[in-house]
Amino acid sequence: MRVPLADWMTPADRSILERLQNEGNDELVLTPALIAENTDYARTTVREHLGTLLEHELVEYHDEERAIYRLSEKGRAFLAGEIDAAELENSE
């Protein structure tokens, strides 16, 4: 079952987190362009949402210079249901 989203989150945020999680396989480290290629969202949309997810500490840079992202520990905990969506409301 999918975890509920925080009020500020959209389906794009969930899709990005789940793509990085790569459930059932090793987690991925991806650029915004590669995330866009593997979701239904444009690169500009992905980049915008990654900025928000980064602010909320759900993703982090794997390589900041090359803009490669990965799930953070907090992102993993959120997707595992260990962090309630309400806890993310004030986490900027």
Protein backbone atom coordinates (compact mmCIF):
# COMPACT_ATOMS: atom_id res chain seq x y z
CA MET A 1 0.00 0.00 0.00
CA ARG A 2 1.27 3.45 -0.88
CA VAL A 3 1.91 5.90 1.92
CA PRO A 4 -0.28 9.03 2.05
CA LEU A 5 1.27 12.20 0.66
CA ALA A 6 1.92 15.36 2.65
CA ASP A 7 -0.34 18.29 1.70
CA TRP A 8 2.43 19.98 -0.29
CA MET A 9 3.18 16.83 -2.31
CA THR A 10 1.77 15.92 -5.70
CA PRO A 11 1.69 12.66 -7.64
CA ALA A 12 4.88 13.85 -9.38
CA ASP A 13 6.70 13.87 -6.04
CA ARG A 14 5.58 10.31 -5.31
CA SER A 15 6.56 9.20 -8.81
CA ILE A 16 10.07 10.68 -8.45
CA LEU A 17 10.60 9.09 -5.03
CA GLU A 18 9.35 5.72 -6.23
CA ARG A 19 11.52 5.85 -9.37
CA LEU A 20 14.61 6.48 -7.23
CA GLN A 21 13.53 3.71 -4.84
CA ASN A 22 13.22 1.23 -7.73
CA GLU A 23 11.24 -1.15 -5.52
CA GLY A 24 12.39 -4.74 -5.61
CA ASN A 25 15.76 -3.78 -7.07
CA ASP A 26 18.78 -1.71 -6.11
CA GLU A 27 18.02 1.98 -5.58
CA LEU A 28 18.85 4.25 -8.48
CA VAL A 29 20.86 7.45 -8.71
CA LEU A 30 19.48 9.55 -11.55
CA THR A 31 19.56 12.95 -13.22
CA PRO A 32 16.34 14.91 -13.77
CA ALA A 33 16.48 13.95 -17.46
CA LEU A 34 16.65 10.22 -16.69
CA ILE A 35 13.83 10.49 -14.16
CA ALA A 36 11.73 12.30 -16.78
CA GLU A 37 12.49 9.57 -19.34
CA ASN A 38 11.18 6.98 -16.89
CA THR A 39 8.06 8.81 -15.69
CA ASP A 40 5.21 10.70 -17.32
CA TYR A 41 6.67 14.09 -16.36
CA ALA A 42 8.71 16.63 -18.30
CA ARG A 43 12.30 17.34 -17.28
CA THR A 44 11.36 20.85 -16.12
CA THR A 45 8.62 19.42 -13.89
CA VAL A 46 10.98 16.82 -12.47
CA ARG A 47 13.67 19.44 -11.80
CA GLU A 48 11.16 21.69 -10.00
CA HIS A 49 9.89 18.85 -7.82
CA LEU A 50 13.39 17.61 -7.04
CA GLY A 51 14.13 21.06 -5.64
CA THR A 52 11.15 20.79 -3.31
CA LEU A 53 12.02 17.21 -2.32
CA LEU A 54 15.58 18.35 -1.63
CA GLU A 55 14.30 21.17 0.61
CA HIS A 56 12.25 18.64 2.57
CA GLU A 57 15.27 16.31 2.75
CA LEU A 58 13.55 13.40 1.00
CA VAL A 59 16.23 13.32 -1.70
CA GLU A 60 19.87 14.32 -1.64
CA TYR A 61 22.64 14.81 -4.14
CA HIS A 62 24.65 11.78 -5.12
CA ASP A 63 26.80 14.16 -7.19
CA GLU A 64 25.79 17.81 -6.91
CA GLU A 65 28.09 19.00 -9.70
CA ARG A 66 26.45 16.63 -12.18
CA ALA A 67 22.94 17.04 -10.66
CA ILE A 68 22.54 13.37 -9.83
CA TYR A 69 20.00 12.60 -7.11
CA ARG A 70 19.28 9.70 -4.78
CA LEU A 71 16.85 8.95 -1.98
CA SER A 72 17.89 10.20 1.44
CA GLU A 73 17.45 8.21 4.63
CA LYS A 74 14.38 10.34 5.34
CA GLY A 75 13.01 9.55 1.87
CA ARG A 76 13.48 5.83 2.44
CA ALA A 77 11.78 6.08 5.83
CA PHE A 78 8.86 8.00 4.30
CA LEU A 79 8.31 5.44 1.55
CA ALA A 80 8.52 2.64 4.14
CA GLY A 81 5.76 4.32 6.16
CA GLU A 82 8.09 5.06 9.06
CA ILE A 83 7.51 8.82 8.76
CA ASP A 84 3.95 10.10 8.72
CA ALA A 85 3.00 12.63 6.03
CA ALA A 86 2.02 15.08 8.78
CA GLU A 87 5.63 15.09 9.97
CA LEU A 88 6.67 16.41 6.56
CA GLU A 89 4.37 19.42 6.71
CA ASN A 90 6.81 21.53 8.74
CA SER A 91 10.07 20.05 7.55
CA GLU A 92 11.57 22.82 5.44
